[in-house]
Amino acid sequence: MSTEDRAKATAKNIEGKAQEALGNVTGDPEDRAEGKAKQTQAEASHAKEDVKDKIKKAID
């Protein structure tokens, strides 16, 4: 996984956690849902890149 892709996914995860926390504080279910969605996207990005890394290692 490229360092840039991992950094983007980590940033999206942090952004999602912050948005979810804001939703919890304000009681806004839309912010909570959007925050969780961003976290899920970040997890999927990490998983996709991990698979790419495993395939690359297997080929090398």
N, C-alpha and C. Protein backbone atom coordinates (compact mmCIF):
# COMPACT_ATOMS: atom_id res chain seq x y z
N MET A 1 0.86 -1.18 0.00
CA MET A 1 0.00 0.00 0.00
C MET A 1 0.89 1.22 0.00
N SER A 2 0.56 2.13 -0.83
CA SER A 2 1.37 3.34 -0.85
C SER A 2 1.14 4.13 0.43
N THR A 3 2.16 4.82 0.82
CA THR A 3 2.07 5.63 2.03
C THR A 3 0.99 6.70 1.88
N GLU A 4 0.88 7.24 0.68
CA GLU A 4 -0.13 8.28 0.44
C GLU A 4 -1.54 7.73 0.61
N ASP A 5 -1.81 6.53 0.08
CA ASP A 5 -3.14 5.93 0.21
C ASP A 5 -3.46 5.61 1.66
N ARG A 6 -2.46 5.11 2.38
CA ARG A 6 -2.68 4.79 3.79
C ARG A 6 -2.96 6.07 4.58
N ALA A 7 -2.24 7.13 4.28
CA ALA A 7 -2.45 8.40 4.98
C ALA A 7 -3.84 8.96 4.70
N LYS A 8 -4.28 8.85 3.45
CA LYS A 8 -5.63 9.34 3.10
C LYS A 8 -6.70 8.54 3.84
N ALA A 9 -6.54 7.23 3.89
CA ALA A 9 -7.52 6.40 4.57
C ALA A 9 -7.53 6.69 6.07
N THR A 10 -6.36 6.89 6.64
CA THR A 10 -6.28 7.20 8.06
C THR A 10 -6.91 8.56 8.35
N ALA A 11 -6.66 9.53 7.47
CA ALA A 11 -7.27 10.85 7.65
C ALA A 11 -8.79 10.77 7.56
N LYS A 12 -9.30 9.97 6.63
CA LYS A 12 -10.75 9.81 6.49
C LYS A 12 -11.34 9.15 7.75
N ASN A 13 -10.60 8.19 8.31
CA ASN A 13 -11.05 7.53 9.52
C ASN A 13 -11.13 8.53 10.68
N ILE A 14 -10.10 9.35 10.83
CA ILE A 14 -10.07 10.36 11.89
C ILE A 14 -11.20 11.37 11.69
N GLU A 15 -11.39 11.80 10.45
CA GLU A 15 -12.47 12.73 10.13
C GLU A 15 -13.82 12.13 10.51
N GLY A 16 -13.99 10.84 10.19
CA GLY A 16 -15.25 10.17 10.50
C GLY A 16 -15.49 10.06 12.00
N LYS A 17 -14.42 9.76 12.75
CA LYS A 17 -14.56 9.67 14.20
C LYS A 17 -14.94 11.02 14.80
N ALA A 18 -14.31 12.08 14.28
CA ALA A 18 -14.63 13.42 14.78
C ALA A 18 -16.07 13.80 14.45
N GLN A 19 -16.50 13.48 13.24
CA GLN A 19 -17.87 13.82 12.85
C GLN A 19 -18.88 13.01 13.66
N GLU A 20 -18.57 11.74 13.91
CA GLU A 20 -19.47 10.93 14.74
C GLU A 20 -19.54 11.49 16.16
N ALA A 21 -18.40 11.89 16.70
CA ALA A 21 -18.38 12.46 18.05
C ALA A 21 -19.18 13.76 18.10
N LEU A 22 -19.04 14.58 17.08
CA LEU A 22 -19.82 15.82 17.01
C LEU A 22 -21.31 15.50 16.99
N GLY A 23 -21.68 14.50 16.22
CA GLY A 23 -23.07 14.09 16.17
C GLY A 23 -23.58 13.60 17.51
N ASN A 24 -22.72 12.92 18.25
CA ASN A 24 -23.09 12.46 19.58
C ASN A 24 -23.31 13.63 20.53
N VAL A 25 -22.43 14.64 20.42
CA VAL A 25 -22.53 15.80 21.30
C VAL A 25 -23.77 16.63 20.97
N THR A 26 -23.99 16.84 19.68
CA THR A 26 -25.11 17.70 19.27
C THR A 26 -26.43 16.93 19.17
N GLY A 27 -26.35 15.62 19.19
CA GLY A 27 -27.57 14.81 19.06
C GLY A 27 -28.05 14.71 17.62
N ASP A 28 -27.17 14.99 16.67
CA ASP A 28 -27.53 14.97 15.25
C ASP A 28 -27.27 13.57 14.67
N PRO A 29 -28.33 12.81 14.40
CA PRO A 29 -28.14 11.46 13.88
C PRO A 29 -27.51 11.44 12.48
N GLU A 30 -27.71 12.51 11.71
CA GLU A 30 -27.12 12.56 10.36
C GLU A 30 -25.59 12.66 10.45
N ASP A 31 -25.08 13.48 11.34
CA ASP A 31 -23.63 13.58 11.53
C ASP A 31 -23.06 12.25 12.02
N ARG A 32 -23.76 11.61 12.95
CA ARG A 32 -23.29 10.31 13.43
C ARG A 32 -23.21 9.32 12.29
N ALA A 33 -24.24 9.26 11.47
CA ALA A 33 -24.28 8.30 10.36
C ALA A 33 -23.19 8.60 9.33
N GLU A 34 -23.01 9.88 9.00
CA GLU A 34 -21.98 10.24 8.03
C GLU A 34 -20.59 9.91 8.58
N GLY A 35 -20.38 10.14 9.86
CA GLY A 35 -19.10 9.82 10.49
C GLY A 35 -18.82 8.33 10.44
N LYS A 36 -19.81 7.53 10.75
CA LYS A 36 -19.63 6.08 10.69
C LYS A 36 -19.37 5.62 9.26
N ALA A 37 -20.04 6.24 8.30
CA ALA A 37 -19.85 5.88 6.90
C ALA A 37 -18.41 6.18 6.46
N LYS A 38 -17.88 7.31 6.88
CA LYS A 38 -16.49 7.65 6.54
C LYS A 38 -15.52 6.65 7.16
N GLN A 39 -15.80 6.23 8.37
CA GLN A 39 -14.94 5.24 9.02
C GLN A 39 -14.99 3.92 8.26
N THR A 40 -16.17 3.54 7.81
CA THR A 40 -16.31 2.29 7.05
C THR A 40 -15.56 2.38 5.72
N GLN A 41 -15.64 3.53 5.07
CA GLN A 41 -14.90 3.72 3.81
C GLN A 41 -13.40 3.60 4.05
N ALA A 42 -12.93 4.17 5.13
CA ALA A 42 -11.50 4.10 5.45
C ALA A 42 -11.07 2.66 5.71
N GLU A 43 -11.89 1.92 6.44
CA GLU A 43 -11.57 0.52 6.72
C GLU A 43 -11.53 -0.29 5.42
N ALA A 44 -12.46 -0.01 4.52
CA ALA A 44 -12.49 -0.72 3.24
C ALA A 44 -11.25 -0.38 2.41
N SER A 45 -10.84 0.87 2.44
CA SER A 45 -9.63 1.27 1.71
C SER A 45 -8.41 0.56 2.25
N HIS A 46 -8.31 0.47 3.57
CA HIS A 46 -7.19 -0.24 4.18
C HIS A 46 -7.21 -1.72 3.78
N ALA A 47 -8.37 -2.32 3.82
CA ALA A 47 -8.48 -3.74 3.47
C ALA A 47 -8.11 -3.97 2.01
N LYS A 48 -8.57 -3.12 1.12
CA LYS A 48 -8.26 -3.24 -0.31
C LYS A 48 -6.76 -3.14 -0.54
N GLU A 49 -6.13 -2.17 0.08
CA GLU A 49 -4.70 -1.99 -0.10
C GLU A 49 -3.90 -3.12 0.54
N ASP A 50 -4.40 -3.68 1.65
CA ASP A 50 -3.74 -4.83 2.27
C ASP A 50 -3.75 -6.03 1.33
N VAL A 51 -4.86 -6.22 0.62
CA VAL A 51 -4.95 -7.31 -0.35
C VAL A 51 -3.95 -7.08 -1.48
N LYS A 52 -3.87 -5.85 -1.95
CA LYS A 52 -2.90 -5.53 -3.00
C LYS A 52 -1.48 -5.85 -2.54
N ASP A 53 -1.16 -5.48 -1.29
CA ASP A 53 0.16 -5.76 -0.75
C ASP A 53 0.45 -7.25 -0.69
N LYS A 54 -0.53 -8.04 -0.27
CA LYS A 54 -0.34 -9.49 -0.18
C LYS A 54 -0.12 -10.10 -1.56
N ILE A 55 -0.86 -9.62 -2.54
CA ILE A 55 -0.70 -10.13 -3.91
C ILE A 55 0.68 -9.76 -4.44
N LYS A 56 1.09 -8.54 -4.19
CA LYS A 56 2.41 -8.11 -4.65
C LYS A 56 3.51 -8.94 -4.02
N LYS A 57 3.40 -9.21 -2.71
CA LYS A 57 4.41 -10.03 -2.03
C LYS A 57 4.42 -11.45 -2.56
N ALA A 58 3.24 -11.98 -2.88
CA ALA A 58 3.17 -13.34 -3.41
C ALA A 58 3.81 -13.44 -4.80
N ILE A 59 3.66 -12.38 -5.58
CA ILE A 59 4.24 -12.36 -6.93
C ILE A 59 5.75 -12.21 -6.87
N ASP A 60 6.22 -11.37 -5.94
CA ASP A 60 7.66 -11.13 -5.82
C ASP A 60 8.27 -12.35 -5.22
